[in-house]
């Protein structure tokens, strides 16, 4: 079976692009290591910021992801009105990336 160098290179480029686009959830050991290295902010600080946007809201879920070349916290909150909000924050600086009603 003969495969051209061009085909192999094209396949590797496509594979690299696909892996960069997909999000990867990090486990707690990875998150702790990143926090200790100063790469990301503490989840507690950013959770307080997120909860401050919706007084009385309850935390449903929080995840740390590596997406689009950066670390993001994705937080889901249940507001007192019963609305689920999805909030995304840049884990390195706390910048609000998204705040919308979740489906």
Protein backbone atom coordinates (compact mmCIF):
# COMPACT_ATOMS: atom_id res chain seq x y z
CA UNK A 1 0.00 0.00 0.00
CA UNK A 2 1.51 3.29 -1.08
CA UNK A 3 0.45 6.55 0.56
CA UNK A 4 1.80 9.81 -0.74
CA UNK A 5 3.62 12.22 1.51
CA UNK A 6 1.06 14.87 0.59
CA UNK A 7 -1.80 12.69 1.86
CA UNK A 8 -0.01 12.01 5.13
CA UNK A 9 0.77 15.72 5.66
CA UNK A 10 -2.78 16.75 4.85
CA UNK A 11 -4.13 14.18 7.30
CA UNK A 12 -1.81 15.38 10.06
CA UNK A 13 -2.80 19.01 9.52
CA UNK A 14 -6.51 18.13 9.65
CA UNK A 15 -5.98 16.08 12.80
CA UNK A 16 -4.14 18.96 14.45
CA UNK A 17 -6.90 21.41 13.55
CA UNK A 18 -9.62 19.11 14.86
CA UNK A 19 -7.91 18.61 18.20
CA UNK A 20 -7.47 22.36 18.67
CA UNK A 21 -11.15 23.10 18.07
CA UNK A 22 -12.58 20.57 20.51
CA UNK A 23 -12.90 21.34 24.18
CA UNK A 24 -11.26 19.14 26.77
CA UNK A 25 -12.51 18.90 30.34
CA UNK A 26 -9.72 18.93 32.89
CA UNK A 27 -9.76 16.80 36.01
CA UNK A 28 -9.17 18.15 39.51
CA UNK A 29 -5.49 17.15 39.57
CA UNK A 30 -4.80 19.09 36.37
CA UNK A 31 -6.78 22.07 37.70
CA UNK A 32 -4.84 22.03 40.98
CA UNK A 33 -1.52 21.94 39.14
CA UNK A 34 -2.54 24.86 36.89
CA UNK A 35 -3.71 26.82 39.94
CA UNK A 36 -0.45 26.18 41.80
CA UNK A 37 1.51 27.31 38.73
CA UNK A 38 -0.53 30.52 38.60
CA UNK A 39 -1.92 29.71 35.16
CA UNK A 40 -5.55 29.91 36.30
CA UNK A 41 -7.40 31.80 39.03
CA UNK A 42 -9.02 29.97 41.94
CA UNK A 43 -12.46 28.60 41.10
CA UNK A 44 -13.82 30.02 44.38
CA UNK A 45 -13.06 33.60 43.35
CA UNK A 46 -14.69 33.23 39.94
CA UNK A 47 -17.68 31.39 41.42
CA UNK A 48 -18.26 34.31 43.79
CA UNK A 49 -18.14 36.67 40.81
CA UNK A 50 -20.58 34.50 38.83
CA UNK A 51 -22.98 34.13 41.77
CA UNK A 52 -22.78 37.89 42.36
CA UNK A 53 -24.34 38.43 38.93
CA UNK A 54 -27.50 36.63 40.13
CA UNK A 55 -28.10 37.12 43.87
CA UNK A 56 -29.78 34.08 45.42
CA UNK A 57 -28.74 31.77 42.57
CA UNK A 58 -27.53 28.24 43.26
CA UNK A 59 -24.60 26.51 41.64
CA UNK A 60 -25.60 23.55 39.48
CA UNK A 61 -22.29 22.71 37.80
CA UNK A 62 -18.78 24.02 37.30
CA UNK A 63 -16.20 22.69 34.84
CA UNK A 64 -12.74 23.69 33.76
CA UNK A 65 -12.13 23.25 30.04
CA UNK A 66 -9.27 23.86 27.67
CA UNK A 67 -10.92 25.37 24.60
CA UNK A 68 -9.76 27.65 21.78
CA UNK A 69 -6.25 27.69 23.23
CA UNK A 70 -7.33 28.99 26.64
CA UNK A 71 -8.67 27.70 29.94
CA UNK A 72 -12.34 28.44 30.61
CA UNK A 73 -14.60 27.87 33.58
CA UNK A 74 -18.11 26.93 32.52
CA UNK A 75 -20.58 27.55 35.33
CA UNK A 76 -24.30 26.74 35.38
CA UNK A 77 -26.49 28.57 37.87
CA UNK A 78 -30.15 28.26 38.81
CA UNK A 79 -31.60 31.70 39.47
CA UNK A 80 -34.35 32.30 42.08
CA UNK A 81 -36.74 32.68 39.13
CA UNK A 82 -35.97 29.11 38.02
CA UNK A 83 -33.85 30.09 35.01
CA UNK A 84 -30.65 28.16 34.29
CA UNK A 85 -27.80 30.47 33.26
CA UNK A 86 -24.63 29.30 31.52
CA UNK A 87 -21.67 31.51 32.30
CA UNK A 88 -18.22 31.11 30.78
CA UNK A 89 -15.22 32.84 32.30
CA UNK A 90 -11.62 33.00 31.16
CA UNK A 91 -9.87 31.02 33.90
CA UNK A 92 -6.63 32.98 33.60
CA UNK A 93 -8.04 36.47 34.15
CA UNK A 94 -11.72 36.13 35.10
CA UNK A 95 -12.99 37.89 31.96
CA UNK A 96 -16.65 37.16 31.22
CA UNK A 97 -16.85 35.28 27.91
CA UNK A 98 -20.53 34.33 27.86
CA UNK A 99 -23.64 34.72 30.00
CA UNK A 100 -26.81 33.31 28.51
CA UNK A 101 -29.92 31.36 29.36
CA UNK A 102 -29.23 27.64 29.03
CA UNK A 103 -31.56 25.47 26.96
